[in-house]
Amino acid sequence: MGSTRSENHPPIDSRGTTAPRKSLPSIDDLPDSDVILFDGDCRFCQRQVRNLNRFGAGRLAFISLHDSRVLDLYPKLSHEMLMKEIYLVSPDGTYYAGAAVIRYLSRKLPRLWVLAPLMHIPYSLTLWQWCYDQIAKRRYQISGHESDPCDNGNCDVDFKKK
């Protein structure tokens, strides 16, 4: 991507995703791990995947939805789907989206085990997805970057259709 980036948000990999500090493990680094697909141009999203990376301790690979390989690697996912919520693809090829990602990771990552009993209450995923959607709709206000939530304007998502 040829956009200019501020010094506070240097590129973390050659595909144009941004974040301060060190880079996230890619699918090239961890080919047999769970893969998190996220909006690499959204600052709120970047912060959340950095947290997941810390919690995952080398168990997760990350790829920005803006990476040119995404649509070829994950043909079941459209750009619009990826802009609406985070996705995880497990090594066996199972897809998880939104709150189901957190639910899945609550079983896999020791630092999230505290969430597992709540996330796995029978029939509760609908409630957790609603909560996820509410946060996603307000992610710009939550991140404190409402006027400029993204590095290049790619965070414009219409959640009213949901």
Protein backbone atom coordinates (compact mmCIF):
# COMPACT_ATOMS: atom_id res chain seq x y z
CA MET A 1 0.00 0.00 0.00
CA GLY A 2 1.41 3.35 -0.93
CA SER A 3 -0.19 5.46 1.81
CA THR A 4 1.98 7.52 4.10
CA ARG A 5 2.04 6.59 7.75
CA SER A 6 2.76 8.78 10.74
CA GLU A 7 5.91 8.12 12.75
CA ASN A 8 3.71 6.90 15.62
CA HIS A 9 2.42 4.02 13.49
CA PRO A 10 5.31 2.48 11.52
CA PRO A 11 4.63 -0.58 9.33
CA ILE A 12 4.88 -3.92 11.13
CA ASP A 13 5.32 -5.98 7.99
CA SER A 14 5.81 -5.65 4.28
CA ARG A 15 2.06 -5.74 3.64
CA GLY A 16 1.33 -2.32 5.12
CA THR A 17 -0.27 -3.24 8.43
CA THR A 18 0.69 -0.87 11.21
CA ALA A 19 1.34 -0.86 14.92
CA PRO A 20 3.92 0.54 17.24
CA ARG A 21 6.55 -1.83 18.64
CA LYS A 22 7.43 -5.26 17.32
CA SER A 23 5.70 -7.10 14.50
CA LEU A 24 3.05 -9.78 14.84
CA PRO A 25 3.81 -13.39 13.86
CA SER A 26 2.60 -14.00 10.32
CA ILE A 27 1.22 -17.09 8.62
CA ASP A 28 4.71 -17.50 7.15
CA ASP A 29 6.20 -17.58 10.67
CA LEU A 30 3.61 -20.00 12.14
CA PRO A 31 2.05 -21.94 9.26
CA ASP A 32 0.38 -24.61 11.44
CA SER A 33 -1.21 -22.28 13.98
CA ASP A 34 -4.59 -20.62 14.35
CA VAL A 35 -4.76 -17.57 12.06
CA ILE A 36 -6.37 -14.30 13.11
CA LEU A 37 -7.65 -12.14 10.22
CA PHE A 38 -8.10 -8.52 11.24
CA ASP A 39 -8.29 -4.99 9.87
CA GLY A 40 -4.64 -3.96 9.89
CA ASP A 41 -5.54 -0.35 9.12
CA CYS A 42 -7.85 0.08 12.14
CA ARG A 43 -6.06 1.31 15.28
CA PHE A 44 -8.59 -0.24 17.66
CA CYS A 45 -8.23 -3.59 15.86
CA GLN A 46 -4.43 -3.35 15.94
CA ARG A 47 -4.48 -2.84 19.71
CA GLN A 48 -6.73 -5.87 20.23
CA VAL A 49 -4.60 -8.19 18.10
CA ARG A 50 -1.45 -7.02 19.90
CA ASN A 51 -3.18 -8.07 23.13
CA LEU A 52 -4.09 -11.44 21.60
CA ASN A 53 -0.48 -11.84 20.49
CA ARG A 54 0.71 -11.25 24.06
CA PHE A 55 -1.87 -13.72 25.39
CA GLY A 56 -1.08 -16.24 22.66
CA ALA A 57 2.67 -16.41 23.28
CA GLY A 58 3.54 -17.71 19.81
CA ARG A 59 0.39 -19.78 19.31
CA LEU A 60 -1.34 -17.41 16.89
CA ALA A 61 -0.49 -16.09 13.44
CA PHE A 62 -1.94 -12.83 12.17
CA ILE A 63 -2.77 -11.47 8.74
CA SER A 64 -4.35 -8.17 7.84
CA LEU A 65 -7.47 -8.37 5.69
CA HIS A 66 -5.69 -5.88 3.41
CA ASP A 67 -2.93 -8.40 2.62
CA SER A 68 -3.16 -9.28 -1.07
CA ARG A 69 -3.03 -13.02 -0.25
CA VAL A 70 -6.14 -13.10 1.96
CA LEU A 71 -8.80 -13.66 -0.69
CA ASP A 72 -6.74 -16.45 -2.28
CA LEU A 73 -5.91 -18.13 1.05
CA TYR A 74 -9.44 -17.78 2.48
CA PRO A 75 -11.90 -17.77 -0.45
CA LYS A 76 -14.90 -18.32 1.86
CA LEU A 77 -14.39 -14.85 3.30
CA SER A 78 -15.33 -11.67 1.46
CA HIS A 79 -13.74 -8.29 2.06
CA GLU A 80 -17.06 -7.05 3.48
CA MET A 81 -17.24 -9.95 5.95
CA LEU A 82 -13.69 -9.27 7.12
CA MET A 83 -14.40 -5.55 7.58
CA LYS A 84 -17.30 -6.31 9.94
CA GLU A 85 -15.62 -8.60 12.45
CA ILE A 86 -12.47 -10.47 13.36
CA TYR A 87 -12.05 -13.99 11.98
CA LEU A 88 -10.02 -16.96 13.09
CA VAL A 89 -9.19 -19.95 10.92
CA SER A 90 -8.08 -23.00 12.88
CA PRO A 91 -5.46 -25.43 11.56
CA ASP A 92 -8.23 -27.87 10.62
CA GLY A 93 -9.86 -25.19 8.43
CA THR A 94 -12.75 -24.26 10.74
CA TYR A 95 -13.81 -20.60 10.57
CA TYR A 96 -14.85 -18.55 13.62
CA ALA A 97 -16.11 -14.95 13.60
CA GLY A 98 -16.72 -12.21 16.15
CA ALA A 99 -17.56 -13.47 19.64
CA ALA A 100 -16.98 -17.07 18.51
CA VAL A 101 -13.28 -16.16 18.11
CA ILE A 102 -13.08 -15.10 21.76
CA ARG A 103 -15.05 -18.18 22.79
CA TYR A 104 -12.66 -20.44 20.85
CA LEU A 105 -9.56 -18.69 22.22
CA SER A 106 -10.89 -18.91 25.79
CA ARG A 107 -10.23 -22.66 25.54
CA LYS A 108 -6.85 -22.33 23.83
CA LEU A 109 -5.03 -19.50 25.60
CA PRO A 110 -4.32 -19.86 29.34
CA ARG A 111 -4.67 -16.10 29.97
CA LEU A 112 -8.25 -16.28 28.64
CA TRP A 113 -9.28 -19.39 30.57
CA VAL A 114 -10.98 -17.15 33.13
CA LEU A 115 -13.54 -16.28 30.41
CA ALA A 116 -14.21 -19.87 29.38
CA PRO A 117 -16.97 -20.70 31.94
CA LEU A 118 -18.98 -17.63 30.90
CA MET A 119 -18.31 -17.92 27.18
CA HIS A 120 -19.46 -21.55 27.15
CA ILE A 121 -22.76 -21.26 28.98
CA PRO A 122 -25.16 -23.18 26.72
CA TYR A 123 -26.98 -20.95 24.20
CA SER A 124 -25.03 -17.86 25.30
CA LEU A 125 -23.13 -17.23 22.05
CA THR A 126 -26.01 -15.10 20.74
CA LEU A 127 -25.65 -12.80 23.75
CA TRP A 128 -21.86 -12.63 23.39
CA GLN A 129 -22.22 -11.85 19.68
CA TRP A 130 -24.64 -9.03 20.49
CA CYS A 131 -22.09 -7.65 23.00
CA TYR A 132 -19.32 -7.98 20.40
CA ASP A 133 -21.45 -6.13 17.82
CA GLN A 134 -22.13 -3.29 20.28
CA ILE A 135 -18.42 -2.83 20.92
CA ALA A 136 -17.61 -3.11 17.21
CA LYS A 137 -20.16 -0.39 16.39
CA ARG A 138 -18.55 1.91 18.93
CA ARG A 139 -14.92 0.97 18.41
CA TYR A 140 -13.95 4.44 17.24
CA GLN A 141 -15.37 6.16 20.33
CA ILE A 142 -13.85 3.47 22.59
CA SER A 143 -10.40 3.86 21.04
CA GLY A 144 -10.49 7.63 21.40
CA HIS A 145 -9.91 8.11 17.67
CA GLU A 146 -13.45 8.89 16.53
CA SER A 147 -12.35 11.63 14.15
CA ASP A 148 -9.49 9.56 12.66
CA PRO A 149 -9.94 5.89 13.64
CA CYS A 150 -7.84 4.42 10.84
CA ASP A 151 -4.55 5.06 9.22
CA ASN A 152 -6.10 5.39 5.77
CA GLY A 153 -9.90 5.50 6.11
CA ASN A 154 -10.56 1.78 5.67
CA CYS A 155 -12.59 1.47 8.88
CA ASP A 156 -15.79 2.78 7.33
CA VAL A 157 -18.19 -0.08 8.07
CA ASP A 158 -21.98 0.10 7.96
CA PHE A 159 -23.21 -1.85 10.98
CA LYS A 160 -26.82 -0.71 10.53
CA LYS A 161 -27.39 -3.55 8.04
CA LYS A 162 -26.80 -6.17 10.74
